[in-house]
PDB file of N, CA and C in Angstrom:
ATOM      1  N   MET A   1     -21.878   1.512  21.981  1.00  0.00           N
ATOM      2  CA  MET A   1     -20.802   0.751  21.355  1.00  0.00           C
ATOM      3  C   MET A   1     -19.639   1.681  21.015  1.00  0.00           C
ATOM      4  N   PRO A   2     -18.417   1.241  21.293  1.00  0.00           N
ATOM      5  CA  PRO A   2     -17.266   2.069  20.918  1.00  0.00           C
ATOM      6  C   PRO A   2     -17.048   2.036  19.405  1.00  0.00           C
ATOM      7  N   LYS A   3     -16.463   3.117  18.896  1.00  0.00           N
ATOM      8  CA  LYS A   3     -16.188   3.196  17.456  1.00  0.00           C
ATOM      9  C   LYS A   3     -14.902   2.460  17.133  1.00  0.00           C
ATOM     10  N   ASN A   4     -14.824   1.909  15.916  1.00  0.00           N
ATOM     11  CA  ASN A   4     -13.587   1.291  15.451  1.00  0.00           C
ATOM     12  C   ASN A   4     -12.635   2.380  14.982  1.00  0.00           C
ATOM     13  N   LYS A   5     -11.373   2.274  15.382  1.00  0.00           N
ATOM     14  CA  LYS A   5     -10.376   3.243  14.961  1.00  0.00           C
ATOM     15  C   LYS A   5      -9.550   2.651  13.828  1.00  0.00           C
ATOM     16  N   THR A   6      -9.138   3.507  12.893  1.00  0.00           N
ATOM     17  CA  THR A   6      -8.266   3.038  11.826  1.00  0.00           C
ATOM     18  C   THR A   6      -6.862   2.887  12.383  1.00  0.00           C
ATOM     19  N   HIS A   7      -6.128   1.922  11.855  1.00  0.00           N
ATOM     20  CA  HIS A   7      -4.769   1.661  12.297  1.00  0.00           C
ATOM     21  C   HIS A   7      -3.861   2.728  11.688  1.00  0.00           C
ATOM     22  N   SER A   8      -3.191   3.512  12.522  1.00  0.00           N
ATOM     23  CA  SER A   8      -2.451   4.673  12.030  1.00  0.00           C
ATOM     24  C   SER A   8      -1.260   4.273  11.164  1.00  0.00           C
ATOM     25  N   GLY A   9      -0.639   3.127  11.446  1.00  0.00           N
ATOM     26  CA  GLY A   9       0.470   2.670  10.612  1.00  0.00           C
ATOM     27  C   GLY A   9       0.009   2.202   9.251  1.00  0.00           C
ATOM     28  N   THR A  10      -1.172   1.617   9.198  1.00  0.00           N
ATOM     29  CA  THR A  10      -1.702   1.123   7.933  1.00  0.00           C
ATOM     30  C   THR A  10      -2.109   2.264   7.022  1.00  0.00           C
ATOM     31  N   LYS A  11      -2.694   3.302   7.564  1.00  0.00           N
ATOM     32  CA  LYS A  11      -3.140   4.408   6.713  1.00  0.00           C
ATOM     33  C   LYS A  11      -1.968   5.183   6.128  1.00  0.00           C
ATOM     34  N   LYS A  12      -0.773   5.071   6.724  1.00  0.00           N
ATOM     35  CA  LYS A  12       0.412   5.719   6.172  1.00  0.00           C
ATOM     36  C   LYS A  12       1.050   4.896   5.063  1.00  0.00           C
ATOM     37  N   ARG A  13       0.826   3.590   5.057  1.00  0.00           N
ATOM     38  CA  ARG A  13       1.541   2.707   4.144  1.00  0.00           C
ATOM     39  C   ARG A  13       0.742   2.255   2.931  1.00  0.00           C
ATOM     40  N   PHE A  14      -0.563   2.402   2.971  1.00  0.00           N
ATOM     41  CA  PHE A  14      -1.407   1.924   1.875  1.00  0.00           C
ATOM     42  C   PHE A  14      -2.306   3.040   1.380  1.00  0.00           C
ATOM     43  N   ARG A  15      -2.683   2.973   0.104  1.00  0.00           N
ATOM     44  CA  ARG A  15      -3.634   3.930  -0.440  1.00  0.00           C
ATOM     45  C   ARG A  15      -4.653   3.181  -1.280  1.00  0.00           C
ATOM     46  N   LEU A  16      -5.858   3.734  -1.344  1.00  0.00           N
ATOM     47  CA  LEU A  16      -6.959   3.118  -2.073  1.00  0.00           C
ATOM     48  C   LEU A  16      -7.234   3.885  -3.351  1.00  0.00           C
ATOM     49  N   THR A  17      -7.734   3.179  -4.365  1.00  0.00           N
ATOM     50  CA  THR A  17      -8.214   3.867  -5.547  1.00  0.00           C
ATOM     51  C   THR A  17      -9.593   4.430  -5.228  1.00  0.00           C
ATOM     52  N   LYS A  18     -10.068   5.335  -6.062  1.00  0.00           N
ATOM     53  CA  LYS A  18     -11.343   5.991  -5.792  1.00  0.00           C
ATOM     54  C   LYS A  18     -12.485   5.293  -6.506  1.00  0.00           C
ATOM     55  N   ASN A  19     -12.444   3.997  -6.569  1.00  0.00           N
ATOM     56  CA  ASN A  19     -13.466   3.225  -7.276  1.00  0.00           C
ATOM     57  C   ASN A  19     -14.518   2.705  -6.298  1.00  0.00           C
ATOM     58  N   GLY A  20     -14.792   3.416  -5.270  1.00  0.00           N
ATOM     59  CA  GLY A  20     -15.747   2.937  -4.273  1.00  0.00           C
ATOM     60  C   GLY A  20     -15.055   2.063  -3.253  1.00  0.00           C
ATOM     61  N   LYS A  21     -15.674   1.870  -2.126  1.00  0.00           N
ATOM     62  CA  LYS A  21     -15.020   1.126  -1.049  1.00  0.00           C
ATOM     63  C   LYS A  21     -15.058  -0.376  -1.258  1.00  0.00           C
ATOM     64  N   LYS A  22     -16.109  -0.872  -1.912  1.00  0.00           N
ATOM     65  CA  LYS A  22     -16.238  -2.317  -2.034  1.00  0.00           C
ATOM     66  C   LYS A  22     -15.281  -2.897  -3.071  1.00  0.00           C
ATOM     67  N   GLY A  23     -15.203  -2.255  -4.245  1.00  0.00           N
ATOM     68  CA  GLY A  23     -14.377  -2.796  -5.314  1.00  0.00           C
ATOM     69  C   GLY A  23     -13.079  -2.061  -5.520  1.00  0.00           C
ATOM     70  N   CYS A  24     -12.582  -1.383  -4.486  1.00  0.00           N
ATOM     71  CA  CYS A  24     -11.384  -0.568  -4.653  1.00  0.00           C
ATOM     72  C   CYS A  24     -10.129  -1.437  -4.670  1.00  0.00           C
ATOM     73  N   LYS A  25      -9.083  -0.888  -5.284  1.00  0.00           N
ATOM     74  CA  LYS A  25      -7.781  -1.537  -5.282  1.00  0.00           C
ATOM     75  C   LYS A  25      -6.937  -0.897  -4.181  1.00  0.00           C
ATOM     76  N   ILE A  26      -6.042  -1.684  -3.606  1.00  0.00           N
ATOM     77  CA  ILE A  26      -5.159  -1.199  -2.554  1.00  0.00           C
ATOM     78  C   ILE A  26      -3.731  -1.275  -3.071  1.00  0.00           C
ATOM     79  N   PHE A  27      -2.994  -0.171  -2.947  1.00  0.00           N
ATOM     80  CA  PHE A  27      -1.627  -0.116  -3.416  1.00  0.00           C
ATOM     81  C   PHE A  27      -0.677   0.161  -2.263  1.00  0.00           C
ATOM     82  N   HIS A  28       0.570  -0.294  -2.427  1.00  0.00           N
ATOM     83  CA  HIS A  28       1.634  -0.003  -1.464  1.00  0.00           C
ATOM     84  C   HIS A  28       2.904   0.303  -2.233  1.00  0.00           C
ATOM     85  N   GLU A  29       3.842   0.982  -1.580  1.00  0.00           N
ATOM     86  CA  GLU A  29       5.108   1.323  -2.211  1.00  0.00           C
ATOM     87  C   GLU A  29       6.046   0.124  -2.152  1.00  0.00           C
ATOM     88  N   HIS A  30       6.936   0.054  -3.132  1.00  0.00           N
ATOM     89  CA  HIS A  30       7.947  -0.989  -3.137  1.00  0.00           C
ATOM     90  C   HIS A  30       8.982  -0.723  -2.046  1.00  0.00           C
ATOM     91  N   THR A  31       9.660  -1.767  -1.649  1.00  0.00           N
ATOM     92  CA  THR A  31      10.790  -1.611  -0.744  1.00  0.00           C
ATOM     93  C   THR A  31      12.016  -1.200  -1.559  1.00  0.00           C
ATOM     94  N   ASN A  32      13.103  -0.862  -0.905  1.00  0.00           N
ATOM     95  CA  ASN A  32      14.376  -0.471  -1.528  1.00  0.00           C
ATOM     96  C   ASN A  32      14.265   0.812  -2.339  1.00  0.00           C
ATOM     97  N   ASN A  33      13.392   1.728  -1.957  1.00  0.00           N
ATOM     98  CA  ASN A  33      13.218   2.965  -2.710  1.00  0.00           C
ATOM     99  C   ASN A  33      13.491   4.179  -1.832  1.00  0.00           C
ATOM    100  N   VAL A  34      14.539   4.103  -0.992  1.00  0.00           N
ATOM    101  CA  VAL A  34      14.832   5.203  -0.093  1.00  0.00           C
ATOM    102  C   VAL A  34      16.235   5.767  -0.335  1.00  0.00           C
ATOM    103  N   HIS A  35      17.244   4.920  -0.379  1.00  0.00           N
ATOM    104  CA  HIS A  35      18.611   5.395  -0.551  1.00  0.00           C
ATOM    105  C   HIS A  35      19.449   4.324  -1.237  1.00  0.00           C
ATOM    106  N   LYS A  36      20.716   4.616  -1.433  1.00  0.00           N
ATOM    107  CA  LYS A  36      21.687   3.743  -2.114  1.00  0.00           C
ATOM    108  C   LYS A  36      21.301   3.470  -3.571  1.00  0.00           C
ATOM    109  N   PHE A  37      20.873   4.515  -4.263  1.00  0.00           N
ATOM    110  CA  PHE A  37      20.489   4.330  -5.657  1.00  0.00           C
ATOM    111  C   PHE A  37      21.703   4.130  -6.562  1.00  0.00           C
ATOM    112  N   HIS A  38      22.889   4.525  -6.118  1.00  0.00           N
ATOM    113  CA  HIS A  38      24.075   4.326  -6.946  1.00  0.00           C
ATOM    114  C   HIS A  38      24.450   2.846  -7.036  1.00  0.00           C
ATOM    115  N   GLU A  39      23.945   2.028  -6.117  1.00  0.00           N
ATOM    116  CA  GLU A  39      24.245   0.597  -6.139  1.00  0.00           C
ATOM    117  C   GLU A  39      23.229  -0.198  -6.958  1.00  0.00           C
ATOM    118  N   LYS A  40      22.125   0.439  -7.348  1.00  0.00           N
ATOM    119  CA  LYS A  40      21.070  -0.258  -8.078  1.00  0.00           C
ATOM    120  C   LYS A  40      21.120   0.128  -9.548  1.00  0.00           C
ATOM    121  N   THR A  41      20.629  -0.754 -10.392  1.00  0.00           N
ATOM    122  CA  THR A  41      20.588  -0.482 -11.815  1.00  0.00           C
ATOM    123  C   THR A  41      19.418   0.443 -12.141  1.00  0.00           C
ATOM    124  N   GLY A  42      19.462   1.048 -13.318  1.00  0.00           N
ATOM    125  CA  GLY A  42      18.389   1.940 -13.741  1.00  0.00           C
ATOM    126  C   GLY A  42      17.042   1.257 -13.826  1.00  0.00           C
ATOM    127  N   PRO A  43      16.953   0.066 -14.468  1.00  0.00           N
ATOM    128  CA  PRO A  43      15.663  -0.623 -14.528  1.00  0.00           C
ATOM    129  C   PRO A  43      15.105  -0.969 -13.146  1.00  0.00           C
ATOM    130  N   GLU A  44      15.976  -1.302 -12.213  1.00  0.00           N
ATOM    131  CA  GLU A  44      15.509  -1.616 -10.857  1.00  0.00           C
ATOM    132  C   GLU A  44      14.961  -0.364 -10.171  1.00  0.00           C
ATOM    133  N   ASN A  45      15.652   0.768 -10.353  1.00  0.00           N
ATOM    134  CA  ASN A  45      15.176   2.020  -9.764  1.00  0.00           C
ATOM    135  C   ASN A  45      13.813   2.401 -10.308  1.00  0.00           C
ATOM    136  N   ARG A  46      13.612   2.226 -11.601  1.00  0.00           N
ATOM    137  CA  ARG A  46      12.319   2.566 -12.195  1.00  0.00           C
ATOM    138  C   ARG A  46      11.229   1.608 -11.734  1.00  0.00           C
ATOM    139  N   ARG A  47      11.578   0.358 -11.524  1.00  0.00           N
ATOM    140  CA  ARG A  47      10.589  -0.636 -11.091  1.00  0.00           C
ATOM    141  C   ARG A  47      10.125  -0.363  -9.668  1.00  0.00           C
ATOM    142  N   VAL A  48      11.057  -0.039  -8.776  1.00  0.00           N
ATOM    143  CA  VAL A  48      10.672   0.178  -7.374  1.00  0.00           C
ATOM    144  C   VAL A  48      10.009   1.539  -7.166  1.00  0.00           C
ATOM    145  N   ALA A  49      10.097   2.443  -8.139  1.00  0.00           N
ATOM    146  CA  ALA A  49       9.468   3.754  -8.001  1.00  0.00           C
ATOM    147  C   ALA A  49       7.954   3.669  -8.151  1.00  0.00           C
ATOM    148  N   LYS A  50       7.457   2.621  -8.809  1.00  0.00           N
ATOM    149  CA  LYS A  50       6.023   2.476  -9.038  1.00  0.00           C
ATOM    150  C   LYS A  50       5.364   1.775  -7.858  1.00  0.00           C
ATOM    151  N   ASP A  51       4.113   2.115  -7.614  1.00  0.00           N
ATOM    152  CA  ASP A  51       3.344   1.431  -6.572  1.00  0.00           C
ATOM    153  C   ASP A  51       2.884   0.074  -7.080  1.00  0.00           C
ATOM    154  N   GLN A  52       2.707  -0.855  -6.158  1.00  0.00           N
ATOM    155  CA  GLN A  52       2.276  -2.206  -6.509  1.00  0.00           C
ATOM    156  C   GLN A  52       0.964  -2.516  -5.805  1.00  0.00           C
ATOM    157  N   GLU A  53       0.119  -3.254  -6.490  1.00  0.00           N
ATOM    158  CA  GLU A  53      -1.166  -3.619  -5.905  1.00  0.00           C
ATOM    159  C   GLU A  53      -0.967  -4.716  -4.859  1.00  0.00           C
ATOM    160  N   VAL A  54      -1.730  -4.642  -3.797  1.00  0.00           N
ATOM    161  CA  VAL A  54      -1.649  -5.616  -2.707  1.00  0.00           C
ATOM    162  C   VAL A  54      -2.243  -6.940  -3.179  1.00  0.00           C
ATOM    163  N   SER A  55      -1.670  -8.041  -2.709  1.00  0.00           N
ATOM    164  CA  SER A  55      -2.159  -9.356  -3.112  1.00  0.00           C
ATOM    165  C   SER A  55      -3.580  -9.586  -2.589  1.00  0.00           C
ATOM    166  N   LYS A  56      -4.273 -10.469  -3.257  1.00  0.00           N
ATOM    167  CA  LYS A  56      -5.674 -10.739  -2.933  1.00  0.00           C
ATOM    168  C   LYS A  56      -5.824 -11.298  -1.515  1.00  0.00           C
ATOM    169  N   ALA A  57      -4.845 -12.063  -1.071  1.00  0.00           N
ATOM    170  CA  ALA A  57      -4.914 -12.676   0.253  1.00  0.00           C
ATOM    171  C   ALA A  57      -4.831 -11.645   1.383  1.00  0.00           C
ATOM    172  N   ASP A  58      -4.189 -10.509   1.129  1.00  0.00           N
ATOM    173  CA  ASP A  58      -3.993  -9.504   2.178  1.00  0.00           C
ATOM    174  C   ASP A  58      -5.054  -8.413   2.183  1.00  0.00           C
ATOM    175  N   ARG A  59      -5.900  -8.338   1.167  1.00  0.00           N
ATOM    176  CA  ARG A  59      -6.873  -7.248   1.059  1.00  0.00           C
ATOM    177  C   ARG A  59      -7.848  -7.199   2.227  1.00  0.00           C
ATOM    178  N   LYS A  60      -8.331  -8.341   2.653  1.00  0.00           N
ATOM    179  CA  LYS A  60      -9.346  -8.385   3.716  1.00  0.00           C
ATOM    180  C   LYS A  60      -8.788  -7.808   5.016  1.00  0.00           C
ATOM    181  N   LEU A  61      -7.565  -8.181   5.369  1.00  0.00           N
ATOM    182  CA  LEU A  61      -6.947  -7.697   6.597  1.00  0.00           C
ATOM    183  C   LEU A  61      -6.687  -6.193   6.526  1.00  0.00           C
ATOM    184  N   ILE A  62      -6.190  -5.723   5.389  1.00  0.00           N
ATOM    185  CA  ILE A  62      -5.870  -4.301   5.267  1.00  0.00           C
ATOM    186  C   ILE A  62      -7.141  -3.463   5.303  1.00  0.00           C
ATOM    187  N   LYS A  63      -8.198  -3.926   4.672  1.00  0.00           N
ATOM    188  CA  LYS A  63      -9.472  -3.201   4.707  1.00  0.00           C
ATOM    189  C   LYS A  63     -10.003  -3.129   6.141  1.00  0.00           C
ATOM    190  N   LYS A  64      -9.809  -4.189   6.892  1.00  0.00           N
ATOM    191  CA  LYS A  64     -10.255  -4.186   8.283  1.00  0.00           C
ATOM    192  C   LYS A  64      -9.469  -3.174   9.106  1.00  0.00           C
ATOM    193  N   LEU A  65      -8.150  -3.103   8.876  1.00  0.00           N
ATOM    194  CA  LEU A  65      -7.324  -2.154   9.606  1.00  0.00           C
ATOM    195  C   LEU A  65      -7.635  -0.707   9.205  1.00  0.00           C
ATOM    196  N   LEU A  66      -8.059  -0.510   7.956  1.00  0.00           N
ATOM    197  CA  LEU A  66      -8.404   0.830   7.486  1.00  0.00           C
ATOM    198  C   LEU A  66      -9.826   1.224   7.868  1.00  0.00           C
ATOM    199  N   GLY A  67     -10.607   0.295   8.398  1.00  0.00           N
ATOM    200  CA  GLY A  67     -11.955   0.596   8.826  1.00  0.00           C
ATOM    201  C   GLY A  67     -12.961   0.609   7.699  1.00  0.00           C
ATOM    202  N   ILE A  68     -12.693  -0.167   6.652  1.00  0.00           N
ATOM    203  CA  ILE A  68     -13.616  -0.235   5.497  1.00  0.00           C
ATOM    204  C   ILE A  68     -14.482  -1.462   5.615  1.00  0.00           C
TER     205      ILE A  68
END
């Protein structure tokens, strides 16, 4: 049987907590956190700097792409 490969784009965009593979949380970075910070307000800059947890509906697909 061939081995399953992890999706290289997915492993760059998401990170897992170290709470085990079954009950782990998946986080992703916010959008709009690359450039043009002079056009954004301070509270918006601070909000997009934090990672956000992936929605429950998307967890199954992302875990499959990560090979978990």
